[in-house]
């Protein structure tokens, strides 16, 4: 498993993953803008030459907002999301970030367990954030 920065050549594959796994997927043009933004961090996990998953987020002053964490189904429950989160947390610590934020669907118990393992705590609920599903806003202090 290798963790690398996402780059523009990954955009088509990331957009396809977004469309498959994310309720409100980013378009290719938005993904390009994210990758060009110096305040964004976007990493991918690669296994045997296959892009297995990614994480993206944005630095805002002394905070970091995680936009998306996506792992292809065939690569889930193998530690890829944990590896990506660990790298993001290390980078946030280097940059003196004080808090990390994210939203997770109330029905996504696997992701909630992962975030709890990393010390994310419930802050509040956003009703119908993902269509009919609500989202939990979670915060981790560094």
C-alpha atoms as a PDB file:
ATOM      1  CA  UNK A   1       0.000   0.000   0.000  1.00  0.00           C
ATOM      2  CA  UNK A   2       1.342   3.416  -1.000  1.00  0.00           C
ATOM      3  CA  UNK A   3      -0.116   6.792  -0.109  1.00  0.00           C
ATOM      4  CA  UNK A   4       0.490   9.544  -2.632  1.00  0.00           C
ATOM      5  CA  UNK A   5      -0.903  12.948  -3.508  1.00  0.00           C
ATOM      6  CA  UNK A   6      -3.797  12.913  -5.932  1.00  0.00           C
ATOM      7  CA  UNK A   7      -3.014  14.613  -9.229  1.00  0.00           C
ATOM      8  CA  UNK A   8      -4.866  15.777 -12.302  1.00  0.00           C
ATOM      9  CA  UNK A   9      -4.373  12.465 -14.127  1.00  0.00           C
ATOM     10  CA  UNK A  10      -6.488  10.826 -11.379  1.00  0.00           C
ATOM     11  CA  UNK A  11      -9.510  13.082 -11.932  1.00  0.00           C
ATOM     12  CA  UNK A  12     -11.514  10.809 -14.253  1.00  0.00           C
ATOM     13  CA  UNK A  13     -11.144   7.823 -11.929  1.00  0.00           C
ATOM     14  CA  UNK A  14     -11.938   9.890  -8.835  1.00  0.00           C
ATOM     15  CA  UNK A  15     -15.002  11.373 -10.553  1.00  0.00           C
ATOM     16  CA  UNK A  16     -16.202   7.838 -11.361  1.00  0.00           C
ATOM     17  CA  UNK A  17     -15.723   6.829  -7.715  1.00  0.00           C
ATOM     18  CA  UNK A  18     -17.553   9.960  -6.583  1.00  0.00           C
ATOM     19  CA  UNK A  19     -20.490   9.100  -8.859  1.00  0.00           C
ATOM     20  CA  UNK A  20     -20.632   5.549  -7.549  1.00  0.00           C
ATOM     21  CA  UNK A  21     -20.171   6.139  -3.812  1.00  0.00           C
ATOM     22  CA  UNK A  22     -21.025   9.770  -2.957  1.00  0.00           C
ATOM     23  CA  UNK A  23     -24.565  11.135  -2.631  1.00  0.00           C
ATOM     24  CA  UNK A  24     -23.592  14.549  -4.080  1.00  0.00           C
ATOM     25  CA  UNK A  25     -20.535  13.756  -6.222  1.00  0.00           C
ATOM     26  CA  UNK A  26     -18.033  16.348  -7.347  1.00  0.00           C
ATOM     27  CA  UNK A  27     -17.736  16.869 -11.099  1.00  0.00           C
ATOM     28  CA  UNK A  28     -14.412  16.504 -12.907  1.00  0.00           C
ATOM     29  CA  UNK A  29     -14.108  20.297 -13.136  1.00  0.00           C
ATOM     30  CA  UNK A  30     -14.654  20.723  -9.382  1.00  0.00           C
ATOM     31  CA  UNK A  31     -12.134  17.968  -8.665  1.00  0.00           C
ATOM     32  CA  UNK A  32      -9.604  19.779 -10.873  1.00  0.00           C
ATOM     33  CA  UNK A  33     -10.173  22.972  -8.895  1.00  0.00           C
ATOM     34  CA  UNK A  34      -9.729  21.104  -5.613  1.00  0.00           C
ATOM     35  CA  UNK A  35      -6.424  19.657  -6.777  1.00  0.00           C
ATOM     36  CA  UNK A  36      -5.196  23.077  -7.909  1.00  0.00           C
ATOM     37  CA  UNK A  37      -6.173  24.792  -4.640  1.00  0.00           C
ATOM     38  CA  UNK A  38      -3.148  25.265  -2.340  1.00  0.00           C
ATOM     39  CA  UNK A  39      -5.448  25.098   0.708  1.00  0.00           C
ATOM     40  CA  UNK A  40      -6.598  21.583  -0.182  1.00  0.00           C
ATOM     41  CA  UNK A  41      -5.044  18.261   0.652  1.00  0.00           C
ATOM     42  CA  UNK A  42      -5.960  15.241  -1.478  1.00  0.00           C
ATOM     43  CA  UNK A  43      -4.312  11.858  -1.035  1.00  0.00           C
ATOM     44  CA  UNK A  44      -4.810   8.484  -2.654  1.00  0.00           C
ATOM     45  CA  UNK A  45      -3.987   4.967  -1.568  1.00  0.00           C
ATOM     46  CA  UNK A  46      -2.571   2.742  -4.300  1.00  0.00           C
ATOM     47  CA  UNK A  47      -2.316  -1.048  -4.114  1.00  0.00           C
ATOM     48  CA  UNK A  48      -0.498  -2.945  -6.883  1.00  0.00           C
ATOM     49  CA  UNK A  49      -0.962  -0.008  -9.253  1.00  0.00           C
ATOM     50  CA  UNK A  50      -4.696   0.304  -8.507  1.00  0.00           C
ATOM     51  CA  UNK A  51      -6.150   3.479  -7.021  1.00  0.00           C
ATOM     52  CA  UNK A  52      -8.032   1.891  -4.118  1.00  0.00           C
ATOM     53  CA  UNK A  53      -9.299   5.022  -2.408  1.00  0.00           C
ATOM     54  CA  UNK A  54      -8.773   8.659  -1.578  1.00  0.00           C
ATOM     55  CA  UNK A  55      -9.347  11.413   0.943  1.00  0.00           C
ATOM     56  CA  UNK A  56      -9.712  15.120   0.322  1.00  0.00           C
ATOM     57  CA  UNK A  57     -10.190  18.178   2.443  1.00  0.00           C
ATOM     58  CA  UNK A  58      -9.456  21.839   2.911  1.00  0.00           C
ATOM     59  CA  UNK A  59      -7.423  23.888   5.361  1.00  0.00           C
ATOM     60  CA  UNK A  60      -9.263  26.926   6.762  1.00  0.00           C
ATOM     61  CA  UNK A  61      -7.043  28.962   9.094  1.00  0.00           C
ATOM     62  CA  UNK A  62      -6.375  26.512  11.974  1.00  0.00           C
ATOM     63  CA  UNK A  63      -9.004  23.940  10.985  1.00  0.00           C
ATOM     64  CA  UNK A  64      -9.258  21.171   8.399  1.00  0.00           C
ATOM     65  CA  UNK A  65     -12.536  20.030   6.845  1.00  0.00           C
ATOM     66  CA  UNK A  66     -12.532  16.517   5.404  1.00  0.00           C
ATOM     67  CA  UNK A  67     -14.693  16.528   2.282  1.00  0.00           C
ATOM     68  CA  UNK A  68     -14.666  12.888   1.228  1.00  0.00           C
ATOM     69  CA  UNK A  69     -13.138   9.564   2.163  1.00  0.00           C
ATOM     70  CA  UNK A  70     -13.869   6.909  -0.440  1.00  0.00           C
ATOM     71  CA  UNK A  71     -12.545   3.361  -0.684  1.00  0.00           C
ATOM     72  CA  UNK A  72     -13.534   1.066  -3.540  1.00  0.00           C
ATOM     73  CA  UNK A  73     -15.692  -1.817  -2.323  1.00  0.00           C
ATOM     74  CA  UNK A  74     -13.082  -4.485  -3.105  1.00  0.00           C
ATOM     75  CA  UNK A  75     -10.569  -2.699  -0.848  1.00  0.00           C
ATOM     76  CA  UNK A  76     -12.755  -1.982   2.172  1.00  0.00           C
ATOM     77  CA  UNK A  77     -11.975  -3.333   5.649  1.00  0.00           C
ATOM     78  CA  UNK A  78      -8.273  -3.621   4.811  1.00  0.00           C
ATOM     79  CA  UNK A  79      -6.990  -0.516   6.598  1.00  0.00           C
ATOM     80  CA  UNK A  80      -6.876   1.855   3.628  1.00  0.00           C
ATOM     81  CA  UNK A  81      -9.188   4.474   5.120  1.00  0.00           C
ATOM     82  CA  UNK A  82      -7.244   4.299   8.400  1.00  0.00           C
ATOM     83  CA  UNK A  83      -3.984   4.815   6.534  1.00  0.00           C
ATOM     84  CA  UNK A  84      -5.383   7.850   4.702  1.00  0.00           C
ATOM     85  CA  UNK A  85      -6.803   9.370   7.899  1.00  0.00           C
ATOM     86  CA  UNK A  86      -3.487   8.821   9.672  1.00  0.00           C
ATOM     87  CA  UNK A  87      -1.642  10.701   6.923  1.00  0.00           C
ATOM     88  CA  UNK A  88      -4.105  13.582   7.026  1.00  0.00           C
ATOM     89  CA  UNK A  89      -3.788  13.833  10.813  1.00  0.00           C
ATOM     90  CA  UNK A  90       0.032  13.844  10.572  1.00  0.00           C
ATOM     91  CA  UNK A  91      -0.105  16.649   8.000  1.00  0.00           C
ATOM     92  CA  UNK A  92      -2.569  18.602  10.136  1.00  0.00           C
ATOM     93  CA  UNK A  93      -0.282  18.259  13.158  1.00  0.00           C
ATOM     94  CA  UNK A  94       2.658  19.559  11.082  1.00  0.00           C
ATOM     95  CA  UNK A  95       0.554  22.554  10.040  1.00  0.00           C
ATOM     96  CA  UNK A  96      -0.584  23.260  13.629  1.00  0.00           C
ATOM     97  CA  UNK A  97      -4.238  22.549  12.843  1.00  0.00           C
ATOM     98  CA  UNK A  98      -6.397  22.603  15.973  1.00  0.00           C
ATOM     99  CA  UNK A  99      -9.579  20.845  14.779  1.00  0.00           C
ATOM    100  CA  UNK A 100     -10.693  18.485  12.042  1.00  0.00           C
ATOM    101  CA  UNK A 101     -14.327  18.380  10.893  1.00  0.00           C
ATOM    102  CA  UNK A 102     -16.334  15.962   8.771  1.00  0.00           C
ATOM    103  CA  UNK A 103     -19.880  14.832   8.059  1.00  0.00           C
ATOM    104  CA  UNK A 104     -20.945  11.205   7.958  1.00  0.00           C
ATOM    105  CA  UNK A 105     -24.325   9.703   7.119  1.00  0.00           C
ATOM    106  CA  UNK A 106     -26.265   8.497  10.135  1.00  0.00           C
ATOM    107  CA  UNK A 107     -26.623   5.142   8.362  1.00  0.00           C
ATOM    108  CA  UNK A 108     -22.882   4.691   7.684  1.00  0.00           C
ATOM    109  CA  UNK A 109     -22.000   2.763  10.835  1.00  0.00           C
ATOM    110  CA  UNK A 110     -18.669   1.449   9.504  1.00  0.00           C
ATOM    111  CA  UNK A 111     -17.412   4.986   8.865  1.00  0.00           C
ATOM    112  CA  UNK A 112     -18.714   6.173  12.239  1.00  0.00           C
ATOM    113  CA  UNK A 113     -16.752   3.394  13.955  1.00  0.00           C
ATOM    114  CA  UNK A 114     -13.622   4.338  12.020  1.00  0.00           C
ATOM    115  CA  UNK A 115     -13.918   8.005  12.962  1.00  0.00           C
ATOM    116  CA  UNK A 116     -14.571   7.133  16.617  1.00  0.00           C
ATOM    117  CA  UNK A 117     -11.393   5.033  16.588  1.00  0.00           C
ATOM    118  CA  UNK A 118      -9.512   8.169  15.524  1.00  0.00           C
ATOM    119  CA  UNK A 119     -11.065  10.284  18.279  1.00  0.00           C
ATOM    120  CA  UNK A 120     -13.729  12.151  16.324  1.00  0.00           C
ATOM    121  CA  UNK A 121     -16.619  13.222  18.572  1.00  0.00           C
ATOM    122  CA  UNK A 122     -20.248  14.034  17.769  1.00  0.00           C
ATOM    123  CA  UNK A 123     -20.975  17.764  17.514  1.00  0.00           C
ATOM    124  CA  UNK A 124     -24.457  17.993  15.976  1.00  0.00           C
ATOM    125  CA  UNK A 125     -26.784  16.470  13.379  1.00  0.00           C
ATOM    126  CA  UNK A 126     -27.682  17.955   9.996  1.00  0.00           C
ATOM    127  CA  UNK A 127     -31.183  16.764   9.122  1.00  0.00           C
ATOM    128  CA  UNK A 128     -31.671  15.484   5.549  1.00  0.00           C
ATOM    129  CA  UNK A 129     -28.121  16.465   4.590  1.00  0.00           C
ATOM    130  CA  UNK A 130     -27.886  13.538   2.158  1.00  0.00           C
ATOM    131  CA  UNK A 131     -31.361  13.650   0.639  1.00  0.00           C
ATOM    132  CA  UNK A 132     -33.535  11.792   3.125  1.00  0.00           C
ATOM    133  CA  UNK A 133     -30.548  10.832   5.274  1.00  0.00           C
ATOM    134  CA  UNK A 134     -29.182  12.992   8.021  1.00  0.00           C
ATOM    135  CA  UNK A 135     -25.496  13.580   8.680  1.00  0.00           C
ATOM    136  CA  UNK A 136     -23.552  13.658  11.899  1.00  0.00           C
ATOM    137  CA  UNK A 137     -20.987  16.424  12.156  1.00  0.00           C
ATOM    138  CA  UNK A 138     -17.925  15.073  13.901  1.00  0.00           C
ATOM    139  CA  UNK A 139     -14.952  16.996  15.292  1.00  0.00           C
ATOM    140  CA  UNK A 140     -11.489  15.913  16.328  1.00  0.00           C
ATOM    141  CA  UNK A 141      -9.288  18.222  18.381  1.00  0.00           C
ATOM    142  CA  UNK A 142      -5.537  18.003  17.909  1.00  0.00           C
END
